[in-house]
Amino acid sequence: MLYFLYCCKKTIKIRKVILQTKKGCKRFFNMATKKKLVLNTAWCKGCGVCAAFCPKNVLALKGDKIAVQNEEACIRCGLCELRCPDYAIWLEEVEA
């Protein structure tokens, strides 16, 4: 498969998650960026929507709040962040 993205008004080809970028393009998304899962239990109302949408069952309700039960299984897809109505969970970039 061959995909095209636009960066700095230049076409970039992506093949098998290997980026072939043109020199000098610094605004392109860095695929090596590390992310960590962050929970703010003070904002969580315990609806369980994030746990229901998690494809790897990383999240679970403990009492009336959400908790991480298996962080190693997390694939950082962002579905929990996208679905949380209270913005109590998000992915935060960390320096590699």
C-alpha atoms as a PDB file:
ATOM      1  CA  MET A   1       0.000   0.000   0.000  1.00  0.00           C
ATOM      2  CA  LEU A   2       1.095   3.531  -0.697  1.00  0.00           C
ATOM      3  CA  TYR A   3      -0.229   6.544   1.175  1.00  0.00           C
ATOM      4  CA  PHE A   4       0.390  10.224   0.611  1.00  0.00           C
ATOM      5  CA  LEU A   5       0.494  12.995   3.202  1.00  0.00           C
ATOM      6  CA  TYR A   6       1.149  16.679   2.738  1.00  0.00           C
ATOM      7  CA  CYS A   7       3.827  18.401   4.747  1.00  0.00           C
ATOM      8  CA  CYS A   8       5.135  21.900   4.103  1.00  0.00           C
ATOM      9  CA  LYS A   9       3.187  21.805   0.833  1.00  0.00           C
ATOM     10  CA  LYS A  10       5.219  18.811  -0.397  1.00  0.00           C
ATOM     11  CA  THR A  11       3.942  15.297  -0.994  1.00  0.00           C
ATOM     12  CA  ILE A  12       5.348  12.637   1.324  1.00  0.00           C
ATOM     13  CA  LYS A  13       5.098   8.934   0.582  1.00  0.00           C
ATOM     14  CA  ILE A  14       4.516   6.484   3.431  1.00  0.00           C
ATOM     15  CA  ARG A  15       5.131   2.784   2.937  1.00  0.00           C
ATOM     16  CA  LYS A  16       4.725   0.160   5.669  1.00  0.00           C
ATOM     17  CA  VAL A  17       5.037   2.794   8.419  1.00  0.00           C
ATOM     18  CA  ILE A  18       8.484   3.774   7.101  1.00  0.00           C
ATOM     19  CA  LEU A  19       8.504   7.474   6.412  1.00  0.00           C
ATOM     20  CA  GLN A  20      10.299   8.712   3.354  1.00  0.00           C
ATOM     21  CA  THR A  21      10.398  12.458   3.909  1.00  0.00           C
ATOM     22  CA  LYS A  22      12.169  15.152   1.959  1.00  0.00           C
ATOM     23  CA  LYS A  23      15.093  16.906   3.642  1.00  0.00           C
ATOM     24  CA  GLY A  24      14.390  19.970   5.715  1.00  0.00           C
ATOM     25  CA  CYS A  25      10.820  19.098   6.698  1.00  0.00           C
ATOM     26  CA  LYS A  26      10.655  19.649  10.456  1.00  0.00           C
ATOM     27  CA  ARG A  27       6.902  20.045  10.889  1.00  0.00           C
ATOM     28  CA  PHE A  28       6.078  16.414  10.080  1.00  0.00           C
ATOM     29  CA  PHE A  29       4.600  14.241  12.847  1.00  0.00           C
ATOM     30  CA  ASN A  30       7.325  12.304  14.649  1.00  0.00           C
ATOM     31  CA  MET A  31       6.414   8.597  14.651  1.00  0.00           C
ATOM     32  CA  ALA A  32       8.902   7.950  17.470  1.00  0.00           C
ATOM     33  CA  THR A  33       6.989  10.120  19.954  1.00  0.00           C
ATOM     34  CA  LYS A  34       6.313   8.304  23.208  1.00  0.00           C
ATOM     35  CA  LYS A  35       3.011   8.754  24.978  1.00  0.00           C
ATOM     36  CA  LYS A  36       1.768   7.837  28.425  1.00  0.00           C
ATOM     37  CA  LEU A  37      -1.749   7.351  29.696  1.00  0.00           C
ATOM     38  CA  VAL A  38      -2.830   9.985  32.238  1.00  0.00           C
ATOM     39  CA  LEU A  39      -5.918   9.722  34.475  1.00  0.00           C
ATOM     40  CA  ASN A  40      -7.491  12.513  36.475  1.00  0.00           C
ATOM     41  CA  THR A  41      -9.753  10.655  38.896  1.00  0.00           C
ATOM     42  CA  ALA A  42     -11.080  13.933  40.313  1.00  0.00           C
ATOM     43  CA  TRP A  43     -12.798  14.593  36.970  1.00  0.00           C
ATOM     44  CA  CYS A  44     -13.975  10.985  36.444  1.00  0.00           C
ATOM     45  CA  LYS A  45     -17.659  10.346  37.160  1.00  0.00           C
ATOM     46  CA  GLY A  46     -17.323   6.571  36.704  1.00  0.00           C
ATOM     47  CA  CYS A  47     -19.454   6.116  33.592  1.00  0.00           C
ATOM     48  CA  GLY A  48     -17.120   3.428  32.169  1.00  0.00           C
ATOM     49  CA  VAL A  49     -17.311   4.623  28.550  1.00  0.00           C
ATOM     50  CA  CYS A  50     -13.511   4.681  28.209  1.00  0.00           C
ATOM     51  CA  ALA A  51     -13.226   1.108  29.520  1.00  0.00           C
ATOM     52  CA  ALA A  52     -15.953  -0.070  27.145  1.00  0.00           C
ATOM     53  CA  PHE A  53     -14.137   1.316  24.083  1.00  0.00           C
ATOM     54  CA  CYS A  54     -10.630   0.155  25.074  1.00  0.00           C
ATOM     55  CA  PRO A  55      -9.654  -2.593  22.573  1.00  0.00           C
ATOM     56  CA  LYS A  56      -7.070  -4.130  24.951  1.00  0.00           C
ATOM     57  CA  ASN A  57      -9.073  -3.942  28.208  1.00  0.00           C
ATOM     58  CA  VAL A  58      -6.458  -1.751  29.862  1.00  0.00           C
ATOM     59  CA  LEU A  59      -9.016   0.238  31.857  1.00  0.00           C
ATOM     60  CA  ALA A  60     -11.480  -0.972  34.474  1.00  0.00           C
ATOM     61  CA  LEU A  61     -13.847   0.558  36.986  1.00  0.00           C
ATOM     62  CA  LYS A  62     -12.604   0.275  40.578  1.00  0.00           C
ATOM     63  CA  GLY A  63     -15.375   1.400  42.866  1.00  0.00           C
ATOM     64  CA  ASP A  64     -16.837   4.443  41.178  1.00  0.00           C
ATOM     65  CA  LYS A  65     -13.674   5.628  39.347  1.00  0.00           C
ATOM     66  CA  ILE A  66     -11.624   4.429  36.384  1.00  0.00           C
ATOM     67  CA  ALA A  67      -8.253   2.754  36.949  1.00  0.00           C
ATOM     68  CA  VAL A  68      -5.498   1.256  34.819  1.00  0.00           C
ATOM     69  CA  GLN A  69      -5.328  -2.504  35.281  1.00  0.00           C
ATOM     70  CA  ASN A  70      -2.693  -3.460  32.668  1.00  0.00           C
ATOM     71  CA  GLU A  71      -0.678  -0.523  31.310  1.00  0.00           C
ATOM     72  CA  GLU A  72       1.747  -2.769  29.387  1.00  0.00           C
ATOM     73  CA  ALA A  73      -1.108  -3.882  27.123  1.00  0.00           C
ATOM     74  CA  CYS A  74      -1.997  -0.296  26.161  1.00  0.00           C
ATOM     75  CA  ILE A  75      -1.426   0.420  22.458  1.00  0.00           C
ATOM     76  CA  ARG A  76      -1.950   4.196  22.857  1.00  0.00           C
ATOM     77  CA  CYS A  77      -4.768   4.277  20.306  1.00  0.00           C
ATOM     78  CA  GLY A  78      -6.505   7.203  22.027  1.00  0.00           C
ATOM     79  CA  LEU A  79     -10.042   5.765  21.972  1.00  0.00           C
ATOM     80  CA  CYS A  80     -10.390   6.313  25.713  1.00  0.00           C
ATOM     81  CA  GLU A  81      -9.391   9.959  25.346  1.00  0.00           C
ATOM     82  CA  LEU A  82     -11.748  10.422  22.422  1.00  0.00           C
ATOM     83  CA  ARG A  83     -14.780   8.893  24.184  1.00  0.00           C
ATOM     84  CA  CYS A  84     -14.410  10.262  27.723  1.00  0.00           C
ATOM     85  CA  PRO A  85     -17.189  12.846  28.258  1.00  0.00           C
ATOM     86  CA  ASP A  86     -15.389  14.359  31.264  1.00  0.00           C
ATOM     87  CA  TYR A  87     -11.893  14.679  29.713  1.00  0.00           C
ATOM     88  CA  ALA A  88     -10.578  12.681  32.659  1.00  0.00           C
ATOM     89  CA  ILE A  89      -8.204  10.545  30.580  1.00  0.00           C
ATOM     90  CA  TRP A  90      -5.692  11.543  27.929  1.00  0.00           C
ATOM     91  CA  LEU A  91      -2.445  10.590  26.246  1.00  0.00           C
ATOM     92  CA  GLU A  92       0.448  12.876  27.089  1.00  0.00           C
ATOM     93  CA  GLU A  93       3.659  13.085  25.082  1.00  0.00           C
ATOM     94  CA  VAL A  94       6.853  12.342  26.977  1.00  0.00           C
ATOM     95  CA  GLU A  95      10.407  12.952  25.834  1.00  0.00           C
ATOM     96  CA  ALA A  96      12.079   9.851  24.390  1.00  0.00           C
END
